[in-house]
Each structure stands twice: as structure tokens, then as C-alpha cells.
Amino acid sequence: MKNNARSPCTNAGNRHSLAADLCRLSVIRLSLHLLITTLLGLHPIQAYAEGDPALLNLSIGEVGLDRSLDNATRYGLEYRFQPMNFYQLIPTVGNVWVDNGATFTYFEMRRDFPVREHWLLTPSFGLGVFHEGRGLRLGHSTEFRSGVELSYRFPNRYRLGLAIYHLSNGGLSKENPGTESVVCSVSIPM
């Protein structure tokens, strides 16, 4: 007995048409997205709590994990705006200073992804202005920062997090050593 059920992509026209190929690609991408979010325990529809507030983030950590630095404790202060637009991107501005005199002032975008109840995974990417300190030279004043944070969001919206960041000038100069840092943070709802 022949199955007369047709896929939505078959209705796009000839099997070899561009419209049919694009339709099949969209179905595959959607299927992969749903599979990955299900396997990771992410919730694709409810990716953030309704009305998440802006946050003031205070952090402390170590910079230069990939090298031996004296006075490498780093402190940070950043303001995370409320999530915006359909993608729930979070604009962030911040400043980091290190015991050895280095500073980094930056702007970045981040996005919260829930991994379990109260747990968030937050990738981020941004750029900023870096001023060298004793022993911490990165080759350029413009530096890119990428990172990922795992945080616990309490019912009162406070957060406690652990993050790893990489700082690099992205090849803007011949010298591009980059550096990594590990950070513990507390986020306070505003």
C-alpha cells in the first residue's frame, strides 16, 4: 500500500528546485535545534525568566592563567542591561582592574541559556580598551573578550557565578599573546 503523506517540502515544487532545497534545509536545522536543546536540557521557548532585571555584577578572580604573573588578582564591575529583542541579547558594559596596574574597559553582548532549574549558561563576546600593567602585555590597546559563565539564579534574582574569559587582540598587531582568566561573581538585581 502506497503512503500518500507528503512532506511540507515536497509541496515547494520540483525536488531539485531551490525552494525545495531551502525548505528541506530549514526542516533539518529546526530538527537539529530541537534535538540539541532537548539533549542539553535547554528550553528553546522559555530561555529566560519573564522580566529579568538589569544586574550589577561584582567579580574577583585570577588573570594570566597561562603564564606566571605576580599580582594577578583581578577585580571587575559591570552593568548588565535587561535582555532585549527577540533573541534576548544582554548588552553589558564593564571595567576590570588587576593588582599589577592593568585595566580593561569593555562593551559586550551576552545571552542566558537555562540548563536546569535555576542554572544558566551564558556565553559572551565583546571588545574594549586595554591598558598594560607590570608583566601583563597583550600587544595592542584594542582587545576582544570572549567567555562563558555558569551561574545559579536564586528565586530573588541574585546570581552566583563562575566564568572563564579569553582576552586577545585578534591579530591587530604582530604581538598577540592573549590571556585567560577565571572569575567568581555575584550579580545583584537592579
Protein backbone atom coordinates (compact mmCIF):
# COMPACT_ATOMS: atom_id res chain seq x y z
CA MET A 1 0.00 0.00 0.00
CA LYS A 2 1.43 3.34 -1.04
CA ASN A 3 1.77 6.09 1.57
CA ASN A 4 0.32 9.32 0.17
CA ALA A 5 1.60 11.50 3.02
CA ARG A 6 3.79 14.25 1.62
CA SER A 7 6.37 16.33 3.47
CA PRO A 8 5.85 20.10 3.51
CA CYS A 9 9.00 20.43 1.41
CA THR A 10 7.57 18.32 -1.41
CA ASN A 11 4.90 20.98 -1.86
CA ALA A 12 7.63 23.54 -2.54
CA GLY A 13 7.80 22.31 -6.12
CA ASN A 14 10.20 20.20 -8.10
CA ARG A 15 12.52 18.03 -5.98
CA HIS A 16 15.51 19.81 -7.47
CA SER A 17 14.25 23.36 -7.13
CA LEU A 18 15.95 25.93 -4.91
CA ALA A 19 12.74 26.41 -2.89
CA ALA A 20 12.55 22.68 -2.11
CA ASP A 21 16.23 22.58 -1.09
CA LEU A 22 15.80 25.59 1.21
CA CYS A 23 12.68 24.07 2.73
CA ARG A 24 14.47 20.78 3.46
CA LEU A 25 17.41 22.69 4.97
CA SER A 26 15.03 24.64 7.25
CA VAL A 27 13.38 21.43 8.45
CA ILE A 28 16.79 19.87 9.15
CA ARG A 29 18.01 22.97 11.04
CA LEU A 30 14.85 23.11 13.15
CA SER A 31 15.12 19.40 13.93
CA LEU A 32 18.77 19.76 14.96
CA HIS A 33 17.95 22.78 17.13
CA LEU A 34 15.17 20.91 18.94
CA LEU A 35 17.36 17.81 19.37
CA ILE A 36 20.30 19.78 20.81
CA THR A 37 18.16 21.86 23.16
CA THR A 38 16.37 18.73 24.38
CA LEU A 39 19.62 16.82 24.96
CA LEU A 40 21.18 19.73 26.84
CA GLY A 41 18.05 20.32 28.88
CA LEU A 42 17.59 23.80 27.42
CA HIS A 43 14.15 25.23 26.94
CA PRO A 44 14.03 26.89 23.50
CA ILE A 45 10.78 28.75 24.15
CA GLN A 46 11.34 29.85 27.76
CA ALA A 47 15.04 30.76 27.57
CA TYR A 48 14.87 33.39 30.33
CA ALA A 49 12.67 34.40 33.21
CA GLU A 50 9.94 36.86 32.25
CA GLY A 51 11.02 40.36 33.14
CA ASP A 52 14.62 39.63 34.09
CA PRO A 53 16.02 42.77 35.71
CA ALA A 54 19.24 44.59 34.90
CA LEU A 55 22.14 43.33 37.03
CA LEU A 56 25.13 44.88 38.75
CA ASN A 57 27.92 42.27 38.64
CA LEU A 58 30.87 42.26 41.08
CA SER A 59 33.70 39.83 40.38
CA ILE A 60 37.09 38.67 41.59
CA GLY A 61 39.47 36.20 40.01
CA GLU A 62 42.88 35.45 38.54
CA VAL A 63 44.24 36.67 35.21
CA GLY A 64 47.13 35.18 33.26
CA LEU A 65 46.38 31.55 33.99
CA ASP A 66 48.56 30.59 31.03
CA ARG A 67 51.64 32.39 32.43
CA SER A 68 53.36 33.15 35.69
CA LEU A 69 52.29 36.64 36.81
CA ASP A 70 52.84 38.45 40.08
CA ASN A 71 49.91 40.43 41.44
CA ALA A 72 47.46 38.79 39.03
CA THR A 73 44.28 39.15 41.07
CA ARG A 74 41.63 40.91 39.01
CA TYR A 75 38.51 42.73 40.14
CA GLY A 76 35.54 43.61 37.99
CA LEU A 77 32.44 45.75 38.00
CA GLU A 78 29.88 45.54 35.20
CA TYR A 79 26.35 46.57 34.43
CA ARG A 80 24.21 44.03 32.57
CA PHE A 81 21.19 45.65 30.97
CA GLN A 82 17.82 43.89 30.73
CA PRO A 83 17.54 41.31 27.93
CA MET A 84 16.43 42.97 24.72
CA ASN A 85 14.77 41.98 21.45
CA PHE A 86 13.55 38.60 20.26
CA TYR A 87 16.97 36.98 20.83
CA GLN A 88 17.18 38.16 24.46
CA LEU A 89 20.67 39.62 23.99
CA ILE A 90 22.06 41.38 27.04
CA PRO A 91 24.25 44.46 26.42
CA THR A 92 26.95 44.78 29.09
CA VAL A 93 29.48 47.47 29.99
CA GLY A 94 32.24 46.90 32.48
CA ASN A 95 35.67 47.61 33.88
CA VAL A 96 38.34 45.22 35.13
CA TRP A 97 41.45 46.20 37.04
CA VAL A 98 44.37 44.00 38.05
CA ASP A 99 46.71 44.33 41.06
CA ASN A 100 49.64 44.78 38.64
CA GLY A 101 48.12 48.00 37.22
CA ALA A 102 46.44 46.64 34.06
CA THR A 103 42.88 47.75 33.26
CA PHE A 104 40.28 46.75 30.69
CA THR A 105 37.11 48.75 29.92
CA TYR A 106 34.69 46.94 27.61
CA PHE A 107 31.30 46.53 25.94
CA GLU A 108 29.93 43.07 25.18
CA MET A 109 26.82 41.13 24.32
CA ARG A 110 25.75 38.02 26.21
CA ARG A 111 22.85 35.59 26.25
CA ASP A 112 21.48 33.44 29.10
CA PHE A 113 20.58 29.83 28.34
CA PRO A 114 18.91 27.83 31.13
CA VAL A 115 20.47 24.38 31.58
CA ARG A 116 18.47 23.26 34.61
CA GLU A 117 16.10 24.92 37.04
CA HIS A 118 17.95 28.00 38.40
CA TRP A 119 21.16 27.23 36.42
CA LEU A 120 22.21 29.44 33.50
CA LEU A 121 24.96 29.11 30.90
CA THR A 122 25.92 32.50 29.48
CA PRO A 123 28.30 32.91 26.53
CA SER A 124 29.57 36.42 25.80
CA PHE A 125 31.64 38.34 23.27
CA GLY A 126 32.83 41.93 23.26
CA LEU A 127 35.65 44.39 22.80
CA GLY A 128 37.32 47.06 24.81
CA VAL A 129 40.33 49.20 25.63
CA PHE A 130 43.24 47.56 27.47
CA HIS A 131 46.00 49.36 29.40
CA GLU A 132 49.07 47.26 30.19
CA GLY A 133 50.26 46.53 33.69
CA ARG A 134 53.52 45.18 35.10
CA GLY A 135 54.02 41.80 33.43
CA LEU A 136 50.70 41.82 31.56
CA ARG A 137 51.23 42.94 27.98
CA LEU A 138 48.80 41.88 25.26
CA GLY A 139 50.26 43.68 22.21
CA HIS A 140 47.50 46.20 21.49
CA SER A 141 45.16 48.60 23.26
CA THR A 142 42.10 47.13 21.49
CA GLU A 143 41.27 43.68 22.84
CA PHE A 144 38.43 41.24 22.21
CA ARG A 145 36.94 39.29 25.09
CA SER A 146 35.07 36.01 24.79
CA GLY A 147 33.85 33.87 27.62
CA VAL A 148 31.30 31.63 29.21
CA GLU A 149 29.71 31.81 32.66
CA LEU A 150 27.83 29.18 34.64
CA SER A 151 25.62 30.78 37.28
CA TYR A 152 22.95 29.90 39.79
CA ARG A 153 19.94 32.26 39.79
CA PHE A 154 18.26 32.44 43.19
CA PRO A 155 14.48 32.99 43.43
CA ASN A 156 15.12 36.66 44.38
CA ARG A 157 17.07 37.03 41.05
CA TYR A 158 20.52 37.34 42.66
CA ARG A 159 23.15 35.22 40.89
CA LEU A 160 26.34 33.48 41.91
CA GLY A 161 28.60 32.58 39.00
CA LEU A 162 31.88 31.11 37.79
CA ALA A 163 33.29 32.29 34.45
CA ILE A 164 36.24 31.74 32.13
CA TYR A 165 37.33 34.54 29.76
CA HIS A 166 39.89 34.87 26.97
CA LEU A 167 41.37 38.24 26.02
CA SER A 168 43.08 38.67 22.64
CA ASN A 169 43.76 41.43 20.15
CA GLY A 170 42.63 39.11 17.34
CA GLY A 171 45.78 39.70 15.30
CA LEU A 172 45.56 43.51 15.26
CA SER A 173 49.29 43.55 16.00
CA LYS A 174 52.21 41.17 15.44
CA GLU A 175 52.33 40.51 19.19
CA ASN A 176 49.16 38.68 20.24
CA PRO A 177 49.84 36.57 23.33
CA GLY A 178 46.27 36.71 24.70
CA THR A 179 45.46 35.63 28.22
CA GLU A 180 42.84 33.72 30.19
CA SER A 181 41.11 34.45 33.47
CA VAL A 182 38.85 32.61 35.88
CA VAL A 183 36.31 34.68 37.78
CA CYS A 184 33.81 34.25 40.61
CA SER A 185 30.97 36.75 40.62
CA VAL A 186 27.85 37.95 42.37
CA SER A 187 25.09 39.66 40.36
CA ILE A 188 22.69 41.97 42.13
CA PRO A 189 19.29 42.78 40.56
CA MET A 190 18.72 46.49 39.95
